[in-house]
Amino acid sequence: MDRTLIANTSILDGSGAIPFPGDVLVEGQRIVAVQRGGGLPRGDARVIDGAGATLMPGLIEPHLKRLQNKDALLLIMKDGWLHKTP
């Protein structure tokens, strides 16, 4: 299964709390771990350096009918703009 670690990012979890620094591990299309302060093991995961970015849930493009690619769509906020990860 594809594993992606978004490390050293600011996490906005949607709970109403202020964003916090940490790591997020994604397997396939599911978030499987969130670690406040970082330190999640990298293992065989592809690593995305989230420094200077904010990771947040619920970013859905309402005009997008379906994704042609079955890979997870990861978006990060950097410098006020959304970027799709490679």
Protein backbone atom coordinates (compact mmCIF):
# COMPACT_ATOMS: atom_id res chain seq x y z
CA MET A 1 0.00 0.00 0.00
CA ASP A 2 1.24 3.52 -0.79
CA ARG A 3 2.31 5.43 2.31
CA THR A 4 2.88 9.17 2.45
CA LEU A 5 4.20 11.08 5.46
CA ILE A 6 3.52 14.81 5.53
CA ALA A 7 6.14 15.96 8.01
CA ASN A 8 6.74 19.21 9.85
CA THR A 9 3.46 20.86 8.88
CA SER A 10 0.85 22.97 10.62
CA ILE A 11 -2.31 20.87 11.12
CA LEU A 12 -5.78 22.41 11.18
CA ASP A 13 -7.97 19.51 12.33
CA GLY A 14 -11.40 21.14 11.95
CA SER A 15 -12.22 20.89 15.67
CA GLY A 16 -12.10 24.64 16.20
CA ALA A 17 -8.72 24.44 17.94
CA ILE A 18 -5.81 26.50 16.69
CA PRO A 19 -3.49 24.77 14.19
CA PHE A 20 -0.69 22.73 15.75
CA PRO A 21 2.66 21.51 14.40
CA GLY A 22 2.98 17.83 13.59
CA ASP A 23 3.14 14.93 11.14
CA VAL A 24 0.37 13.13 9.25
CA LEU A 25 0.71 9.60 7.84
CA VAL A 26 -1.53 8.59 4.93
CA GLU A 27 -1.91 5.00 3.68
CA GLY A 28 -3.69 4.74 0.37
CA GLN A 29 -6.45 7.32 0.71
CA ARG A 30 -6.82 7.22 4.51
CA ILE A 31 -5.18 9.20 7.27
CA VAL A 32 -3.87 6.55 9.66
CA ALA A 33 -1.85 8.64 12.13
CA VAL A 34 -1.48 12.21 13.34
CA GLN A 35 1.34 13.10 15.74
CA ARG A 36 1.40 16.46 17.52
CA GLY A 37 4.92 17.83 17.49
CA GLY A 38 6.03 15.41 14.78
CA GLY A 39 8.22 12.37 15.14
CA LEU A 40 6.17 9.77 13.23
CA PRO A 41 8.50 7.05 11.88
CA ARG A 42 9.18 7.47 8.17
CA GLY A 43 9.67 3.79 7.36
CA ASP A 44 9.07 3.24 3.64
CA ALA A 45 6.73 6.23 3.27
CA ARG A 46 7.18 8.92 0.65
CA VAL A 47 7.96 12.08 2.65
CA ILE A 48 6.53 15.50 1.88
CA ASP A 49 8.12 18.38 3.79
CA GLY A 50 5.18 20.45 4.98
CA ALA A 51 7.29 23.29 6.42
CA GLY A 52 5.48 26.59 5.92
CA ALA A 53 2.26 24.83 4.88
CA THR A 54 -1.08 24.18 6.60
CA LEU A 55 -2.76 20.79 6.18
CA MET A 56 -6.52 20.79 6.64
CA PRO A 57 -9.50 18.46 6.03
CA GLY A 58 -12.56 18.98 3.93
CA LEU A 59 -11.09 20.70 0.92
CA ILE A 60 -13.50 19.46 -1.73
CA GLU A 61 -13.86 20.97 -5.18
CA PRO A 62 -17.64 20.90 -5.69
CA HIS A 63 -17.27 21.07 -9.48
CA LEU A 64 -15.11 17.95 -9.64
CA LYS A 65 -17.33 15.03 -10.62
CA ARG A 66 -14.78 12.26 -10.24
CA LEU A 67 -11.05 11.71 -10.02
CA GLN A 68 -9.48 9.90 -12.94
CA ASN A 69 -6.53 8.93 -10.75
CA LYS A 70 -7.25 6.58 -7.84
CA ASP A 71 -4.31 7.97 -5.83
CA ALA A 72 -5.09 10.13 -2.82
CA LEU A 73 -5.53 13.79 -3.62
CA LEU A 74 -3.43 15.68 -1.09
CA LEU A 75 -3.67 19.43 -0.96
CA ILE A 76 -1.47 21.74 1.05
CA MET A 77 -1.86 25.45 1.71
CA LYS A 78 1.36 27.34 1.09
CA ASP A 79 1.76 31.08 0.79
CA GLY A 80 -2.02 31.49 0.65
CA TRP A 81 -2.48 29.08 -2.30
CA LEU A 82 -3.57 25.45 -2.54
CA HIS A 83 -1.07 23.07 -4.13
CA LYS A 84 -1.62 19.44 -5.16
CA THR A 85 1.25 17.28 -4.04
CA PRO A 86 3.13 15.35 -6.75
